[in-house]
C-alpha atoms as a PDB file:
ATOM      1  CA  UNK A   1     207.239  77.681 107.586  1.00  0.00           C
ATOM      2  CA  UNK A   2     203.781  77.327 106.035  1.00  0.00           C
ATOM      3  CA  UNK A   3     201.370  80.208 106.196  1.00  0.00           C
ATOM      4  CA  UNK A   4     197.952  79.309 107.588  1.00  0.00           C
ATOM      5  CA  UNK A   5     194.848  80.300 105.691  1.00  0.00           C
ATOM      6  CA  UNK A   6     192.968  83.219 107.200  1.00  0.00           C
ATOM      7  CA  UNK A   7     189.531  82.659 108.661  1.00  0.00           C
ATOM      8  CA  UNK A   8     186.778  85.202 108.059  1.00  0.00           C
ATOM      9  CA  UNK A   9     183.123  85.494 109.030  1.00  0.00           C
ATOM     10  CA  UNK A  10     180.712  84.105 106.419  1.00  0.00           C
ATOM     11  CA  UNK A  11     179.061  87.534 106.085  1.00  0.00           C
ATOM     12  CA  UNK A  12     182.394  89.075 105.114  1.00  0.00           C
ATOM     13  CA  UNK A  13     183.093  86.269 102.631  1.00  0.00           C
ATOM     14  CA  UNK A  14     179.630  86.788 101.091  1.00  0.00           C
ATOM     15  CA  UNK A  15     180.500  90.404 100.327  1.00  0.00           C
ATOM     16  CA  UNK A  16     184.073  89.609  99.286  1.00  0.00           C
ATOM     17  CA  UNK A  17     182.960  86.889  96.840  1.00  0.00           C
ATOM     18  CA  UNK A  18     179.821  88.695  95.624  1.00  0.00           C
ATOM     19  CA  UNK A  19     177.511  85.843  96.612  1.00  0.00           C
ATOM     20  CA  UNK A  20     173.824  86.632  95.906  1.00  0.00           C
ATOM     21  CA  UNK A  21     171.660  86.827  99.056  1.00  0.00           C
ATOM     22  CA  UNK A  22     169.447  83.855  98.102  1.00  0.00           C
ATOM     23  CA  UNK A  23     172.475  81.629  97.474  1.00  0.00           C
ATOM     24  CA  UNK A  24     174.134  82.812 100.690  1.00  0.00           C
ATOM     25  CA  UNK A  25     171.070  82.016 102.796  1.00  0.00           C
ATOM     26  CA  UNK A  26     170.707  78.627 101.103  1.00  0.00           C
ATOM     27  CA  UNK A  27     174.348  77.743 101.749  1.00  0.00           C
ATOM     28  CA  UNK A  28     174.008  78.789 105.399  1.00  0.00           C
ATOM     29  CA  UNK A  29     170.869  76.668 105.840  1.00  0.00           C
ATOM     30  CA  UNK A  30     172.285  73.648 104.006  1.00  0.00           C
ATOM     31  CA  UNK A  31     175.420  73.681 106.144  1.00  0.00           C
ATOM     32  CA  UNK A  32     173.848  74.655 109.462  1.00  0.00           C
ATOM     33  CA  UNK A  33     175.967  77.794 109.647  1.00  0.00           C
ATOM     34  CA  UNK A  34     175.091  80.605 112.025  1.00  0.00           C
ATOM     35  CA  UNK A  35     175.875  84.312 111.872  1.00  0.00           C
ATOM     36  CA  UNK A  36     179.574  84.868 112.407  1.00  0.00           C
ATOM     37  CA  UNK A  37     180.667  81.356 111.348  1.00  0.00           C
ATOM     38  CA  UNK A  38     184.401  81.499 110.614  1.00  0.00           C
ATOM     39  CA  UNK A  39     185.710  79.836 107.444  1.00  0.00           C
ATOM     40  CA  UNK A  40     188.565  80.120 104.982  1.00  0.00           C
ATOM     41  CA  UNK A  41     187.892  81.389 101.457  1.00  0.00           C
ATOM     42  CA  UNK A  42     188.554  77.892 100.157  1.00  0.00           C
ATOM     43  CA  UNK A  43     185.969  76.321 102.503  1.00  0.00           C
ATOM     44  CA  UNK A  44     183.400  78.998 101.644  1.00  0.00           C
ATOM     45  CA  UNK A  45     183.912  78.668  97.885  1.00  0.00           C
ATOM     46  CA  UNK A  46     183.614  74.863  98.078  1.00  0.00           C
ATOM     47  CA  UNK A  47     180.336  75.125 100.022  1.00  0.00           C
ATOM     48  CA  UNK A  48     178.870  77.653  97.566  1.00  0.00           C
ATOM     49  CA  UNK A  49     179.928  75.534  94.588  1.00  0.00           C
ATOM     50  CA  UNK A  50     178.396  72.395  96.145  1.00  0.00           C
ATOM     51  CA  UNK A  51     175.151  74.261  96.844  1.00  0.00           C
ATOM     52  CA  UNK A  52     174.943  75.668  93.323  1.00  0.00           C
ATOM     53  CA  UNK A  53     175.432  72.224  91.777  1.00  0.00           C
ATOM     54  CA  UNK A  54     173.156  70.263  94.119  1.00  0.00           C
ATOM     55  CA  UNK A  55     169.834  68.876  92.823  1.00  0.00           C
ATOM     56  CA  UNK A  56     166.961  71.259  93.533  1.00  0.00           C
ATOM     57  CA  UNK A  57     164.856  68.546  95.177  1.00  0.00           C
ATOM     58  CA  UNK A  58     167.505  67.870  97.843  1.00  0.00           C
ATOM     59  CA  UNK A  59     168.287  64.298  96.829  1.00  0.00           C
ATOM     60  CA  UNK A  60     171.847  63.063  96.851  1.00  0.00           C
ATOM     61  CA  UNK A  61     173.515  62.615  93.473  1.00  0.00           C
ATOM     62  CA  UNK A  62     174.754  59.174  92.456  1.00  0.00           C
END
Protein backbone atom coordinates (compact mmCIF):
# COMPACT_ATOMS: atom_id res chain seq x y z
CA UNK A 1 0.00 0.00 0.00
CA UNK A 2 1.44 3.36 -1.06
CA UNK A 3 1.77 6.12 1.47
CA UNK A 4 0.22 9.42 0.38
CA UNK A 5 2.24 12.59 0.62
CA UNK A 6 1.25 14.86 3.49
CA UNK A 7 -0.31 18.22 2.75
CA UNK A 8 0.70 21.27 4.77
CA UNK A 9 -0.23 24.94 4.74
CA UNK A 10 2.09 27.11 2.63
CA UNK A 11 3.00 29.19 5.70
CA UNK A 12 4.25 26.06 7.47
CA UNK A 13 6.21 24.97 4.39
CA UNK A 14 7.79 28.45 4.18
CA UNK A 15 9.18 28.04 7.70
CA UNK A 16 10.09 24.37 7.20
CA UNK A 17 12.02 25.09 3.98
CA UNK A 18 13.51 28.41 5.13
CA UNK A 19 12.03 30.35 2.21
CA UNK A 20 12.83 34.10 2.38
CA UNK A 21 9.75 36.32 2.84
CA UNK A 22 10.16 38.12 -0.52
CA UNK A 23 10.42 34.82 -2.41
CA UNK A 24 7.46 33.38 -0.48
CA UNK A 25 5.23 36.34 -1.29
CA UNK A 26 6.31 36.24 -4.94
CA UNK A 27 5.54 32.53 -5.22
CA UNK A 28 2.13 33.06 -3.61
CA UNK A 29 1.31 35.90 -6.01
CA UNK A 30 2.60 34.08 -9.10
CA UNK A 31 0.52 31.01 -8.29
CA UNK A 32 -2.59 32.75 -6.97
CA UNK A 33 -2.22 31.05 -3.60
CA UNK A 34 -4.08 32.32 -0.55
CA UNK A 35 -3.28 32.02 3.14
CA UNK A 36 -3.68 28.44 4.26
CA UNK A 37 -3.24 26.88 0.79
CA UNK A 38 -2.47 23.19 1.28
CA UNK A 39 0.37 21.62 -0.72
CA UNK A 40 2.87 18.79 -0.49
CA UNK A 41 6.55 19.56 0.05
CA UNK A 42 7.23 18.43 -3.50
CA UNK A 43 4.63 20.83 -4.97
CA UNK A 44 5.92 23.71 -2.84
CA UNK A 45 9.57 23.10 -3.74
CA UNK A 46 8.72 22.91 -7.46
CA UNK A 47 6.83 26.22 -7.30
CA UNK A 48 9.68 27.96 -5.44
CA UNK A 49 12.25 26.59 -7.89
CA UNK A 50 10.16 27.73 -10.88
CA UNK A 51 9.78 31.20 -9.36
CA UNK A 52 13.49 31.53 -8.62
CA UNK A 53 14.42 30.58 -12.19
CA UNK A 54 11.76 32.62 -13.99
CA UNK A 55 12.77 35.71 -16.00
CA UNK A 56 12.46 38.88 -13.93
CA UNK A 57 10.36 40.64 -16.57
CA UNK A 58 7.64 37.97 -16.42
CA UNK A 59 8.02 36.72 -19.98
CA UNK A 60 7.81 33.03 -20.72
CA UNK A 61 11.07 31.27 -21.53
CA UNK A 62 11.48 29.58 -24.90
